[in-house]
Amino acid sequence: MADSSASLFSMTKKQPEDQMAWFRLVYSKLITTMMQRLCRFALRTNGFRSSNVVVLPRQQTRAYLGGAGDMKSRRDDANTDEVAKREQELWDRAQPRAEEIMERHLRLPTAEYDANDSSSGMSEEERNLAVRKKRLVYRSKQRGWLEVDLLLGTWAAENVSNLSVSELDAYEKFVNLETIDIYNVLTLRTDVPEDMKTAGGDGLVERIAQWAKESPLGKADKEKYVEVKTKNNLI
């Protein structure tokens, strides 16, 4: 390869008088050099033997085909692996904080209560109940699916404030369903889940399904649609 480079350099130093001929020579030399490299690469890849040396194939990247066994963490060898030991120390320091953040994230909101503050005239239990109702109304309006936001959000804005604690439990169980399942119940594509039915057919979710069946929202004109959205703070 060094000879090829030297010869190419010498050609550039001794340019022919005919410029076109000189460009053709340089172009031909470049093509020859590239072809030689491609041939050597092909020989190396396929493991062909040359006259003086055995060219071994390039090691291929291993792909996972299953049956490789369980993955072993470096932290299993934390006593001998310095990097793994350092990672374990960092993890031990961060874990309590991570658990604290997760617990706070999953904790249901409650109202701050001051026994000496009588301005609202509400007990701690009443405040927490009010917070719970507001949270359920918000979750009903913000499902991320326009039809469900409109139907469930409208029903919640009109009725959640009047629900008892047991009815709130039933409604929260319904709200915890996937949005597509709520949509199917509200649009009567599927029946009310069996664990939410009552013997008399007048359970909370059954009443919501009946309300959705009789609601004019699905058949309203554009003006009615905007009116309902604005009235229930859904815009």
Protein backbone atom coordinates (compact mmCIF):
# COMPACT_ATOMS: atom_id res chain seq x y z
CA MET A 1 0.00 0.00 0.00
CA ALA A 2 2.97 2.30 0.72
CA ASP A 3 4.28 1.74 -2.83
CA SER A 4 0.87 2.63 -4.25
CA SER A 5 0.77 5.85 -2.23
CA ALA A 6 4.33 6.75 -3.26
CA SER A 7 3.60 6.16 -6.92
CA LEU A 8 0.43 8.22 -6.70
CA PHE A 9 2.39 11.03 -5.05
CA SER A 10 5.07 10.88 -7.74
CA MET A 11 2.41 11.22 -10.44
CA THR A 12 1.12 14.39 -8.84
CA LYS A 13 4.67 15.76 -8.81
CA LYS A 14 5.22 14.91 -12.47
CA GLN A 15 2.07 16.22 -14.09
CA PRO A 16 1.76 15.44 -17.85
CA GLU A 17 1.33 18.31 -20.17
CA ASP A 18 -2.04 16.98 -21.12
CA GLN A 19 -4.23 17.81 -18.09
CA MET A 20 -7.01 15.42 -19.12
CA ALA A 21 -4.53 12.56 -19.40
CA TRP A 22 -3.23 13.35 -15.93
CA PHE A 23 -6.75 13.30 -14.42
CA ARG A 24 -7.46 9.98 -16.11
CA LEU A 25 -4.28 8.50 -14.62
CA VAL A 26 -5.13 9.69 -11.11
CA TYR A 27 -8.72 8.45 -11.39
CA SER A 28 -7.53 5.05 -12.67
CA LYS A 29 -5.05 4.74 -9.79
CA LEU A 30 -7.74 5.54 -7.22
CA ILE A 31 -10.12 2.98 -8.68
CA THR A 32 -7.36 0.35 -8.66
CA THR A 33 -6.53 1.09 -5.01
CA MET A 34 -10.20 0.85 -3.96
CA MET A 35 -10.64 -2.46 -5.80
CA GLN A 36 -7.58 -3.89 -4.08
CA ARG A 37 -8.95 -2.92 -0.68
CA LEU A 38 -12.36 -4.43 -1.45
CA CYS A 39 -10.76 -7.69 -2.57
CA ARG A 40 -8.66 -7.91 0.59
CA PHE A 41 -11.72 -7.21 2.72
CA ALA A 42 -13.64 -9.99 0.95
CA LEU A 43 -10.77 -12.43 1.49
CA ARG A 44 -10.52 -11.52 5.15
CA THR A 45 -14.27 -11.85 5.70
CA ASN A 46 -14.49 -15.31 4.10
CA GLY A 47 -11.28 -16.65 5.59
CA PHE A 48 -9.40 -17.39 2.37
CA ARG A 49 -5.73 -18.35 2.60
CA SER A 50 -3.17 -16.24 0.76
CA SER A 51 0.31 -17.45 -0.26
CA ASN A 52 2.05 -16.14 2.86
CA VAL A 53 -0.56 -15.63 5.57
CA VAL A 54 -3.91 -17.03 6.67
CA VAL A 55 -6.57 -14.31 6.70
CA LEU A 56 -9.09 -15.12 9.41
CA PRO A 57 -12.73 -14.05 9.18
CA ARG A 58 -13.76 -11.02 11.19
CA GLN A 59 -15.59 -11.91 14.40
CA GLN A 60 -19.29 -11.34 13.97
CA THR A 61 -21.43 -9.48 16.50
CA ARG A 62 -23.30 -11.97 18.67
CA ALA A 63 -27.06 -11.71 18.52
CA TYR A 64 -29.38 -13.06 21.22
CA LEU A 65 -31.16 -16.18 20.00
CA GLY A 66 -32.50 -17.42 23.32
CA GLY A 67 -31.18 -20.01 25.69
CA ALA A 68 -28.34 -17.78 26.85
CA GLY A 69 -29.27 -18.26 30.50
CA ASP A 70 -30.04 -15.70 33.17
CA MET A 71 -28.32 -12.34 33.00
CA LYS A 72 -25.74 -11.80 35.71
CA SER A 73 -25.41 -8.38 37.25
CA ARG A 74 -22.00 -6.87 37.88
CA ARG A 75 -23.21 -6.06 41.37
CA ASP A 76 -23.23 -9.78 42.14
CA ASP A 77 -19.44 -9.49 42.20
CA ALA A 78 -19.35 -6.25 44.17
CA ASN A 79 -16.69 -7.68 46.50
CA THR A 80 -14.15 -8.05 43.69
CA ASP A 81 -15.36 -5.60 41.03
CA GLU A 82 -14.49 -2.02 42.02
CA VAL A 83 -16.92 -0.47 39.54
CA ALA A 84 -19.75 -2.69 40.74
CA LYS A 85 -18.85 -1.90 44.34
CA ARG A 86 -19.08 1.82 43.66
CA GLU A 87 -22.42 1.38 41.86
CA GLN A 88 -23.79 -0.58 44.82
CA GLU A 89 -22.75 2.16 47.23
CA LEU A 90 -24.51 4.79 45.11
CA TRP A 91 -27.62 2.61 44.89
CA ASP A 92 -27.71 2.09 48.67
CA ARG A 93 -27.55 5.86 49.15
CA ALA A 94 -30.22 6.63 46.54
CA GLN A 95 -32.73 3.87 47.33
CA PRO A 96 -34.31 5.41 50.48
CA ARG A 97 -34.86 8.70 48.66
CA ALA A 98 -36.33 6.90 45.63
CA GLU A 99 -38.75 4.98 47.85
CA GLU A 100 -39.77 8.19 49.61
CA ILE A 101 -40.50 9.91 46.29
CA MET A 102 -42.51 6.92 45.02
CA GLU A 103 -44.56 6.73 48.23
CA ARG A 104 -45.36 10.44 48.01
CA HIS A 105 -46.30 10.03 44.33
CA LEU A 106 -48.76 7.21 45.06
CA ARG A 107 -50.21 8.72 48.23
CA LEU A 108 -53.74 10.05 47.88
CA PRO A 109 -54.03 13.81 48.45
CA THR A 110 -55.41 14.96 51.77
CA ALA A 111 -56.36 18.37 53.10
CA GLU A 112 -54.09 20.13 55.54
CA TYR A 113 -56.00 20.35 58.80
CA ASP A 114 -55.48 22.80 61.63
CA ALA A 115 -57.60 22.08 64.70
CA ASN A 116 -57.42 25.74 65.70
CA ASP A 117 -58.70 26.94 62.32
CA SER A 118 -62.49 27.06 62.39
CA SER A 119 -62.92 29.47 59.48
CA SER A 120 -64.16 26.80 57.08
CA GLY A 121 -66.38 25.06 59.62
CA MET A 122 -65.24 21.65 58.29
CA SER A 123 -63.69 18.79 60.20
CA GLU A 124 -60.60 16.96 58.95
CA GLU A 125 -62.74 14.09 57.66
CA GLU A 126 -64.99 16.48 55.76
CA ARG A 127 -62.00 18.23 54.21
CA ASN A 128 -60.48 14.97 53.06
CA LEU A 129 -63.83 13.92 51.59
CA ALA A 130 -64.07 17.21 49.68
CA VAL A 131 -60.55 16.74 48.31
CA ARG A 132 -61.41 13.20 47.23
CA LYS A 133 -64.49 14.39 45.35
CA LYS A 134 -62.56 17.12 43.56
CA ARG A 135 -59.89 14.62 42.58
CA LEU A 136 -62.48 12.25 41.11
CA VAL A 137 -64.13 15.04 39.15
CA TYR A 138 -60.75 16.07 37.75
CA ARG A 139 -59.86 12.48 36.79
CA SER A 140 -63.24 12.14 35.07
CA LYS A 141 -62.65 15.25 32.94
CA GLN A 142 -59.04 14.49 32.03
CA ARG A 143 -59.12 10.97 30.55
CA GLY A 144 -57.37 12.00 27.34
CA TRP A 145 -60.27 10.77 25.20
CA LEU A 146 -62.72 13.43 24.06
CA GLU A 147 -65.88 11.29 24.22
CA VAL A 148 -65.06 10.00 27.71
CA ASP A 149 -64.06 13.48 28.91
CA LEU A 150 -67.38 14.84 27.74
CA LEU A 151 -69.67 12.07 29.01
CA LEU A 152 -67.96 11.02 32.22
CA GLY A 153 -66.77 14.55 33.02
CA THR A 154 -70.29 15.94 32.64
CA TRP A 155 -71.80 13.24 34.86
CA ALA A 156 -69.10 13.72 37.50
CA ALA A 157 -69.49 17.51 37.57
CA GLU A 158 -73.23 17.13 38.15
CA ASN A 159 -73.32 14.17 40.56
CA VAL A 160 -70.05 13.42 42.39
CA SER A 161 -70.61 16.13 45.02
CA ASN A 162 -73.80 14.32 46.14
CA LEU A 163 -72.33 10.80 46.39
CA SER A 164 -72.00 8.95 49.69
CA VAL A 165 -68.72 7.38 50.78
CA SER A 166 -69.77 3.91 49.57
CA GLU A 167 -70.85 5.36 46.22
CA LEU A 168 -67.52 7.19 45.97
CA ASP A 169 -65.76 3.85 46.45
CA ALA A 170 -67.82 2.33 43.62
CA TYR A 171 -67.23 5.33 41.36
CA GLU A 172 -63.48 5.37 42.03
CA LYS A 173 -63.34 1.68 41.12
CA PHE A 174 -65.04 2.53 37.82
CA VAL A 175 -62.72 5.48 37.15
CA ASN A 176 -59.71 3.21 37.76
CA LEU A 177 -60.64 1.14 34.70
CA GLU A 178 -58.81 1.65 31.42
CA THR A 179 -60.24 4.53 29.39
CA ILE A 180 -61.21 2.22 26.53
CA ASP A 181 -63.26 0.07 28.96
CA ILE A 182 -65.01 3.15 30.35
CA TYR A 183 -65.72 4.32 26.81
CA ASN A 184 -67.25 0.96 25.87
CA VAL A 185 -69.57 1.04 28.91
CA LEU A 186 -70.65 4.65 28.34
CA THR A 187 -71.36 4.05 24.64
CA LEU A 188 -73.16 0.75 25.40
CA ARG A 189 -70.67 -1.28 23.35
CA THR A 190 -70.18 -3.57 26.31
CA ASP A 191 -72.26 -4.29 29.40
CA VAL A 192 -71.40 -3.05 32.88
CA PRO A 193 -68.69 -5.27 34.44
CA GLU A 194 -70.16 -8.09 36.52
CA ASP A 195 -68.43 -7.00 39.73
CA MET A 196 -70.07 -3.57 39.38
CA LYS A 197 -73.61 -4.81 38.86
CA THR A 198 -76.22 -5.04 41.60
CA ALA A 199 -79.13 -7.42 42.01
CA GLY A 200 -81.67 -4.65 41.48
CA GLY A 201 -79.88 -3.16 38.49
CA ASP A 202 -79.62 0.23 40.17
CA GLY A 203 -75.92 0.27 41.08
CA LEU A 204 -73.87 3.39 40.57
CA VAL A 205 -72.16 2.30 37.34
CA GLU A 206 -75.47 1.00 36.01
CA ARG A 207 -77.02 4.41 36.68
CA ILE A 208 -74.14 6.08 34.84
CA ALA A 209 -74.64 3.77 31.85
CA GLN A 210 -78.37 4.54 31.82
CA TRP A 211 -77.66 8.27 32.03
CA ALA A 212 -75.26 8.01 29.09
CA LYS A 213 -77.91 6.12 27.11
CA GLU A 214 -80.47 8.88 27.66
CA SER A 215 -78.03 11.78 27.40
CA PRO A 216 -78.44 14.05 24.36
CA LEU A 217 -74.69 14.69 24.23
CA GLY A 218 -74.03 12.08 21.58
CA LYS A 219 -76.76 13.54 19.34
CA ALA A 220 -76.38 17.23 20.15
CA ASP A 221 -75.64 19.86 17.56
CA LYS A 222 -72.47 21.95 17.64
CA GLU A 223 -73.99 24.72 19.77
CA LYS A 224 -75.25 22.22 22.36
CA TYR A 225 -71.83 20.56 22.41
CA VAL A 226 -70.05 23.86 23.15
CA GLU A 227 -72.68 24.76 25.76
CA VAL A 228 -72.22 21.54 27.72
CA LYS A 229 -68.41 21.71 27.52
CA THR A 230 -68.41 25.30 28.78
CA LYS A 231 -70.96 24.68 31.51
CA ASN A 232 -68.97 21.80 33.00
CA ASN A 233 -65.57 23.46 32.57
CA LEU A 234 -64.40 20.92 29.98
CA ILE A 235 -62.85 23.43 27.57
